[in-house]
Protein backbone atom coordinates (compact mmCIF):
# COMPACT_ATOMS: atom_id res chain seq x y z
CA MET A 1 44.38 -7.90 34.63
CA ALA A 2 41.87 -9.26 32.12
CA LEU A 3 40.23 -6.12 30.87
CA SER A 4 36.53 -5.53 31.39
CA GLN A 5 34.13 -6.07 28.53
CA GLN A 6 33.01 -2.45 28.22
CA GLU A 7 36.60 -1.32 27.90
CA HIS A 8 37.18 -2.98 24.55
CA ARG A 9 33.85 -3.70 22.91
CA PHE A 10 32.93 -0.98 20.44
CA PRO A 11 29.47 -1.06 18.78
CA CYS A 12 29.26 -0.30 15.07
CA ALA A 13 27.59 3.05 14.44
CA GLN A 14 25.69 1.57 11.47
CA CYS A 15 24.55 -1.90 12.52
CA GLY A 16 25.40 -2.19 16.24
CA ALA A 17 27.70 -5.21 15.89
CA SER A 18 31.07 -5.19 17.65
CA LEU A 19 33.90 -3.46 15.84
CA ARG A 20 37.28 -5.19 15.70
CA PHE A 21 40.78 -3.76 15.49
CA GLU A 22 42.36 -4.41 12.10
CA PRO A 23 46.00 -5.61 12.48
CA GLY A 24 48.41 -3.27 10.75
CA GLN A 25 45.78 -0.53 10.50
CA ALA A 26 44.89 2.39 12.77
CA ARG A 27 41.20 1.62 12.54
CA LEU A 28 38.34 -0.57 13.71
CA SER A 29 36.09 -2.32 11.25
CA CYS A 30 32.75 -4.15 11.24
CA ALA A 31 32.75 -7.66 9.82
CA TYR A 32 29.03 -7.43 9.05
CA CYS A 33 28.45 -4.12 7.26
CA GLY A 34 32.03 -3.03 6.46
CA HIS A 35 31.83 0.22 8.43
CA GLU A 36 35.23 1.58 9.48
CA GLN A 37 36.14 3.81 12.39
CA PRO A 38 39.61 5.41 12.70
CA ILE A 39 41.48 5.19 16.00
CA PRO A 40 42.37 8.70 17.22
CA GLN A 41 46.12 9.30 16.98
CA MET A 42 48.21 11.45 19.32
CA ASP A 43 50.82 13.97 18.26
CA ASP A 44 54.44 13.07 19.03
CA ALA A 45 54.73 15.31 22.10
CA THR A 46 51.61 13.84 23.73
CA ARG A 47 52.70 10.31 22.83
CA VAL A 48 56.11 10.77 24.50
CA THR A 49 54.45 12.16 27.63
CA LYS A 50 51.99 9.26 27.81
CA LEU A 51 54.78 6.71 27.44
CA GLN A 52 56.84 7.96 30.38
CA SER A 53 57.77 5.26 32.87
CA LEU A 54 56.69 5.11 36.54
CA ASP A 55 58.80 5.00 39.67
CA TYR A 56 59.44 1.38 40.72
CA HIS A 57 59.71 2.08 44.46
CA GLU A 58 56.47 4.07 44.51
CA ALA A 59 54.70 1.15 42.87
CA VAL A 60 56.10 -1.40 45.33
CA ALA A 61 55.04 0.84 48.22
CA HIS A 62 51.52 1.09 46.71
CA ALA A 63 52.02 4.83 46.36
CA LEU A 64 51.21 5.25 42.68
CA PRO A 65 48.62 7.89 41.76
CA PRO A 66 45.03 6.58 41.56
CA GLU A 67 44.93 7.13 37.79
CA ASP A 68 47.60 4.43 37.36
CA ILE A 69 45.53 1.77 39.19
CA GLU A 70 42.32 0.01 38.19
CA GLU A 71 40.08 -2.88 39.23
CA THR A 72 38.77 -5.31 36.62
CA LYS A 73 37.11 -8.72 36.45
CA VAL A 74 39.31 -11.73 35.80
CA VAL A 75 38.91 -15.42 34.99
CA ASN A 76 41.54 -17.88 36.20
CA CYS A 77 42.57 -21.10 34.44
CA ALA A 78 43.25 -23.74 37.08
CA THR A 79 45.52 -25.72 34.73
CA CYS A 80 48.10 -23.16 33.58
CA GLY A 81 47.35 -20.24 35.91
CA ALA A 82 46.54 -17.76 33.16
CA GLN A 83 44.14 -14.92 33.83
CA VAL A 84 42.00 -14.47 30.75
CA GLU A 85 38.70 -12.88 29.87
CA PHE A 86 35.58 -14.41 28.43
CA GLU A 87 32.35 -12.77 27.43
CA GLU A 88 29.93 -12.30 30.28
CA ASN A 89 27.33 -14.70 28.84
CA VAL A 90 29.91 -17.52 28.46
CA HIS A 91 30.05 -19.93 31.41
CA SER A 92 32.52 -22.45 30.01
CA ALA A 93 35.19 -22.23 27.35
CA GLU A 94 38.64 -23.43 26.35
CA CYS A 95 41.72 -21.69 27.75
CA PRO A 96 43.64 -20.14 24.83
CA PHE A 97 46.96 -20.87 26.56
CA CYS A 98 46.66 -24.61 27.26
CA ALA A 99 43.43 -25.76 25.56
CA SER A 100 42.05 -26.95 28.90
CA PRO A 101 38.32 -26.66 29.58
CA VAL A 102 37.64 -23.66 31.81
CA VAL A 103 34.55 -23.05 33.88
CA THR A 104 34.56 -19.31 34.39
CA ASP A 105 34.97 -18.05 37.92
CA THR A 106 35.02 -14.28 37.80
CA GLY A 107 36.70 -12.24 40.53
CA THR A 108 38.05 -8.74 40.97
CA HIS A 109 41.70 -7.89 40.52
CA ARG A 110 43.34 -4.60 41.50
CA HIS A 111 46.36 -3.90 39.36
CA ILE A 112 48.60 -1.37 37.64
CA LYS A 113 47.04 -0.12 34.42
CA PRO A 114 48.77 -0.89 31.13
CA HIS A 115 50.95 2.01 29.99
CA ALA A 116 51.22 1.13 26.37
CA VAL A 117 50.25 -1.42 23.75
CA LEU A 118 52.14 -2.80 20.79
CA ALA A 119 49.33 -3.30 18.29
CA PHE A 120 49.01 -6.37 16.08
CA ARG A 121 50.70 -5.97 12.71
CA LEU A 122 50.15 -9.52 11.45
CA SER A 123 46.68 -10.65 10.44
CA GLU A 124 45.40 -14.05 11.56
CA ARG A 125 45.85 -15.39 8.02
CA ASP A 126 49.47 -14.25 7.86
CA ALA A 127 50.15 -15.68 11.31
CA HIS A 128 48.61 -19.02 10.31
CA GLU A 129 50.88 -19.21 7.27
CA LYS A 130 53.94 -18.54 9.45
CA MET A 131 52.88 -21.18 11.98
CA SER A 132 52.02 -23.79 9.32
CA LYS A 133 55.42 -23.38 7.66
CA TRP A 134 57.12 -23.81 11.03
CA LEU A 135 55.06 -26.88 11.95
CA LYS A 136 55.74 -28.56 8.61
CA GLY A 137 59.47 -28.30 9.31
CA LEU A 138 59.25 -30.40 12.50
CA TRP A 139 60.85 -33.82 12.05
CA PHE A 140 59.28 -36.91 13.69
CA ALA A 141 56.08 -35.06 14.56
CA PRO A 142 52.78 -37.00 14.77
CA SER A 143 50.79 -37.25 11.54
CA THR A 144 47.92 -35.50 13.27
CA LEU A 145 50.16 -32.46 13.72
CA ALA A 146 50.81 -32.31 9.98
CA LYS A 147 47.06 -32.39 9.46
CA TYR A 148 46.73 -29.64 12.05
CA ALA A 149 49.32 -27.55 10.18
CA ARG A 150 47.30 -27.87 6.96
CA SER A 151 44.06 -26.89 8.64
CA THR A 152 42.69 -23.38 8.69
CA GLY A 153 41.79 -23.53 12.35
CA LYS A 154 41.38 -20.31 14.24
CA LEU A 155 44.30 -18.77 16.08
CA ASN A 156 43.75 -16.83 19.27
CA GLY A 157 44.89 -13.22 19.17
CA LEU A 158 46.16 -12.34 22.62
CA TYR A 159 47.85 -9.42 24.32
CA VAL A 160 50.44 -10.68 26.81
CA PRO A 161 51.56 -8.52 29.78
CA TYR A 162 55.16 -7.42 30.13
CA TRP A 163 57.17 -5.30 32.53
CA ALA A 164 59.67 -3.02 30.78
CA PHE A 165 62.38 -1.82 33.20
CA ASP A 166 64.67 1.21 32.98
CA VAL A 167 67.59 0.84 35.40
CA ALA A 168 71.00 2.45 35.89
CA THR A 169 73.63 0.03 37.25
CA ARG A 170 77.11 0.45 38.73
CA SER A 171 79.14 -2.69 39.32
CA SER A 172 82.42 -3.25 41.14
CA TYR A 173 84.38 -6.41 40.42
CA SER A 174 87.56 -8.31 41.07
CA GLY A 175 88.97 -11.06 38.93
CA GLN A 176 91.88 -12.17 36.80
CA ARG A 177 93.14 -11.35 33.34
CA GLY A 178 94.62 -14.22 31.33
CA THR A 179 97.23 -13.47 28.67
CA HIS A 180 98.26 -16.21 26.28
CA TYR A 181 101.92 -16.88 25.47
CA TYR A 182 103.69 -19.71 23.71
CA VAL A 183 106.68 -21.81 24.64
CA THR A 184 108.67 -24.25 22.55
CA THR A 185 108.94 -27.77 23.89
CA GLY A 186 110.69 -30.88 22.66
CA SER A 187 113.45 -31.02 20.09
CA GLY A 188 113.99 -32.14 16.57
CA LYS A 189 110.89 -33.66 14.99
CA ASN A 190 109.11 -33.50 18.37
CA ARG A 191 109.55 -29.77 18.62
CA ARG A 192 106.20 -27.95 19.01
CA GLN A 193 104.58 -24.75 20.30
CA GLU A 194 102.42 -24.98 23.42
CA ARG A 195 100.02 -22.25 24.47
CA ARG A 196 100.01 -21.25 28.10
CA THR A 197 98.21 -18.57 30.07
CA ARG A 198 99.69 -16.01 32.43
CA TRP A 199 97.15 -14.78 34.99
CA SER A 200 97.23 -11.39 36.71
CA ALA A 201 94.88 -9.71 39.18
CA ALA A 202 92.26 -7.30 37.83
CA SER A 203 89.60 -5.10 39.42
CA GLY A 204 87.49 -2.15 38.43
CA HIS A 205 84.04 -0.69 37.86
CA VAL A 206 81.56 -0.83 34.99
CA SER A 207 78.32 1.07 34.45
CA ARG A 208 75.35 0.48 32.17
CA GLN A 209 71.97 2.07 31.57
CA PHE A 210 69.29 -0.52 30.78
CA LEU A 211 66.29 0.75 28.84
CA ASP A 212 63.04 -1.16 28.26
CA LEU A 213 64.41 -4.46 29.56
CA LEU A 214 61.48 -6.81 28.93
CA VAL A 215 60.18 -9.42 31.37
CA MET A 216 57.01 -11.35 30.64
CA ALA A 217 54.63 -10.65 33.52
CA ALA A 218 52.79 -13.98 33.34
CA GLN A 219 53.54 -17.67 33.82
CA SER A 220 51.16 -19.18 31.30
CA LEU A 221 53.83 -19.65 28.61
CA PRO A 222 57.39 -21.06 28.85
CA ARG A 223 59.71 -18.14 29.48
CA ALA A 224 62.43 -19.60 27.23
CA ASN A 225 60.02 -19.78 24.27
CA ILE A 226 58.63 -16.32 24.84
CA ARG A 227 62.18 -14.87 24.94
CA ARG A 228 62.89 -16.43 21.58
CA LEU A 229 60.06 -14.34 20.13
CA GLU A 230 62.26 -11.28 20.64
CA PRO A 231 63.15 -8.74 19.46
CA TRP A 232 60.10 -6.48 19.63
CA THR A 233 60.16 -3.09 17.95
CA LEU A 234 59.16 -0.97 20.92
CA ALA A 235 59.47 2.21 18.86
CA ASP A 236 55.99 1.27 17.60
CA LEU A 237 54.44 1.39 21.09
CA GLN A 238 51.26 3.38 21.40
CA PRO A 239 49.86 4.83 24.62
CA TYR A 240 47.30 2.38 25.95
CA SER A 241 43.95 2.60 24.22
CA ALA A 242 41.21 -0.01 24.47
CA ASP A 243 40.59 0.44 20.73
CA TYR A 244 43.63 -1.74 19.95
CA LEU A 245 42.18 -4.56 22.08
CA SER A 246 38.77 -4.63 20.42
CA GLY A 247 38.15 -8.17 19.19
CA PHE A 248 41.14 -9.60 21.08
CA ARG A 249 41.76 -10.98 24.56
CA ALA A 250 44.26 -9.71 27.10
CA GLU A 251 46.01 -11.79 29.74
CA GLY A 252 46.40 -10.40 33.22
CA TYR A 253 49.78 -10.18 34.90
CA THR A 254 50.43 -12.88 37.47
CA VAL A 255 54.11 -12.01 38.00
CA GLU A 256 54.05 -9.11 40.42
CA LEU A 257 56.39 -6.17 39.95
CA PRO A 258 59.05 -7.18 42.57
CA GLU A 259 59.22 -10.72 41.17
CA GLY A 260 59.53 -9.29 37.68
CA PHE A 261 62.40 -7.07 38.82
CA GLU A 262 64.27 -10.08 40.21
CA ILE A 263 63.97 -11.79 36.81
CA ALA A 264 65.19 -8.56 35.19
CA LYS A 265 68.23 -8.59 37.50
CA GLN A 266 69.17 -12.03 36.15
CA ARG A 267 69.03 -10.71 32.59
CA MET A 268 71.01 -7.63 33.59
CA GLU A 269 73.67 -9.80 35.20
CA GLU A 270 74.28 -11.56 31.87
CA GLN A 271 75.10 -8.22 30.26
CA ILE A 272 77.06 -6.90 33.23
CA ARG A 273 79.28 -9.99 33.24
CA ALA A 274 79.96 -9.45 29.54
CA ASP A 275 80.85 -5.80 30.28
CA ILE A 276 83.21 -6.88 33.06
CA CYS A 277 84.98 -9.38 30.81
CA ARG A 278 85.52 -6.65 28.21
CA ASP A 279 86.83 -4.33 30.93
CA ILE A 280 89.25 -6.95 32.25
CA GLY A 281 90.60 -7.48 28.74
CA GLY A 282 93.30 -9.98 27.86
CA ASP A 283 92.67 -13.30 26.17
CA GLU A 284 90.70 -14.94 28.99
CA GLN A 285 88.87 -13.58 32.00
CA ARG A 286 87.84 -14.84 35.41
CA ILE A 287 85.35 -13.02 37.63
CA THR A 288 85.87 -13.85 41.29
CA SER A 289 83.44 -11.30 42.79
CA MET A 290 81.03 -8.61 41.64
CA SER A 291 78.65 -6.25 43.38
CA THR A 292 75.97 -4.22 41.58
CA GLN A 293 74.06 -1.14 42.70
CA TYR A 294 70.72 -0.38 41.04
CA GLU A 295 69.59 3.23 40.71
CA ASP A 296 66.69 5.20 39.24
CA GLU A 297 64.57 2.07 38.80
CA ARG A 298 61.53 2.77 36.65
CA PHE A 299 59.08 0.62 34.71
CA LYS A 300 56.21 0.45 32.26
CA HIS A 301 53.38 -2.08 32.04
CA LEU A 302 53.06 -3.14 28.38
CA LEU A 303 50.74 -5.36 26.36
CA LEU A 304 52.48 -7.17 23.47
CA PRO A 305 50.68 -9.12 20.72
CA ILE A 306 50.86 -12.84 20.01
CA TRP A 307 48.86 -15.24 17.90
CA MET A 308 48.60 -18.60 19.61
CA ALA A 309 47.24 -22.09 19.13
CA ALA A 310 47.10 -24.92 21.65
CA TYR A 311 47.31 -28.48 20.29
CA ARG A 312 46.50 -31.52 22.44
CA TYR A 313 48.27 -34.83 21.81
CA ARG A 314 47.85 -37.87 24.04
CA GLY A 315 46.39 -35.80 26.84
CA LYS A 316 49.14 -33.16 26.85
CA SER A 317 48.91 -29.57 25.64
CA TYR A 318 51.47 -28.07 23.23
CA ARG A 319 51.49 -24.33 22.51
CA PHE A 320 52.56 -22.62 19.30
CA ILE A 321 53.20 -18.89 19.46
CA VAL A 322 53.58 -16.33 16.69
CA ASN A 323 54.94 -12.84 17.36
CA GLY A 324 52.02 -10.65 16.28
CA GLN A 325 54.42 -7.92 15.16
CA THR A 326 57.28 -9.74 13.39
CA GLY A 327 55.91 -13.21 12.60
CA ARG A 328 58.67 -15.06 14.48
CA VAL A 329 57.39 -18.50 15.59
CA GLN A 330 58.20 -20.57 18.66
CA GLY A 331 56.52 -23.50 20.35
CA GLU A 332 56.55 -26.83 22.05
CA ARG A 333 56.48 -29.93 19.91
CA PRO A 334 55.28 -33.51 20.43
CA TRP A 335 57.37 -36.45 19.21
CA SER A 336 56.00 -39.46 17.37
CA TRP A 337 57.87 -42.39 18.90
CA PRO A 338 56.61 -44.83 16.22
CA LYS A 339 58.15 -42.54 13.56
CA ILE A 340 61.41 -42.34 15.54
CA ALA A 341 61.49 -46.13 15.97
CA GLY A 342 60.79 -46.56 12.26
CA ALA A 343 63.64 -44.20 11.37
CA VAL A 344 66.02 -46.08 13.67
CA LEU A 345 65.04 -49.43 12.17
CA ALA A 346 65.40 -48.00 8.64
CA GLY A 347 68.87 -46.72 9.55
CA LEU A 348 69.89 -50.10 10.92
CA ALA A 349 68.54 -51.83 7.82
CA PHE A 350 70.57 -49.49 5.63
CA LEU A 351 73.75 -50.23 7.60
CA VAL A 352 73.14 -53.98 7.34
CA LEU A 353 72.56 -53.66 3.59
CA ALA A 354 75.68 -51.51 3.15
CA PHE A 355 77.74 -54.05 5.13
CA TYR A 356 76.34 -56.92 3.03
CA VAL A 357 77.11 -55.12 -0.26
CA ALA A 358 80.65 -54.36 0.97
CA GLU A 359 81.16 -58.01 1.95
CA MET A 360 79.85 -59.26 -1.37
CA GLY A 361 82.12 -56.86 -3.18
CA GLY A 362 85.07 -58.42 -1.40
CA PHE A 363 84.68 -61.80 -3.15
């Protein structure tokens, strides 16, 4: 889904240079002459209409209206599988997701248009400060990483694709309710209270309406790390406008809608199980069977902002990600085995010294 160049390159009305979206501002600005251009804002009624979700089954059956589909040029990274965009006159570059060299190979991709965008709130400088603070807190990291944390190297501002699902669920279950009780055992000084559990059969139904359940629609970043960037404040979503992407890159979705829905089901099951346990009640719960029906499945295709850097150490790529809205940081980290070995040896030396001092004190 990497968006075409003409969709988010805006020439400055004064000098002709490309305007760039200013994080935290509803405007574009020119880095060369300082000219500013406001981004048109919608009234609340229009915004709500534009942000309405689409029918999941229509999308899977390729029956969405033509205005919800587009074809754009994409570039694929053979190392991590990301679909990213590069300027048309660039024939080789570095993938922002894994720092691998990429020779551009442009193709056409037909996909569902983005519904909405969560614009960057954090500037690159603010994001770098957040990332540097996080990196400095990593124990046993290579010295080169500390140097990297102190540097003012450029971060990549990226919009990452997400599916946001709205689903109504009804679940039937059977299980057991455990109720604790206590019995007295022993006698005299050996007398004590022992807790035991009385189990009884339980069954019932629970319902839940899931709204905007997020699933990252790409595989270029570890899903566990990207989940730890949550929560996102989706109340700040804006109907998709290429203005917000000016000066930034967007990744295309490589997790198709049905696959994304299966991942969403796993996340829904976590919550449904918690609902069932509350419904069973008692002190402990066992779920022996559950069956869930999904109804009124709808979705939105969103673009969410991250600042990212890829650091290579001993031939391996490590990614550091900053939530472009909240500043929350996550990432992969390399370990310096010489530092770990040194710490172990220092610990052993301290124990030997402590033992020696204790022995000497005994004379």
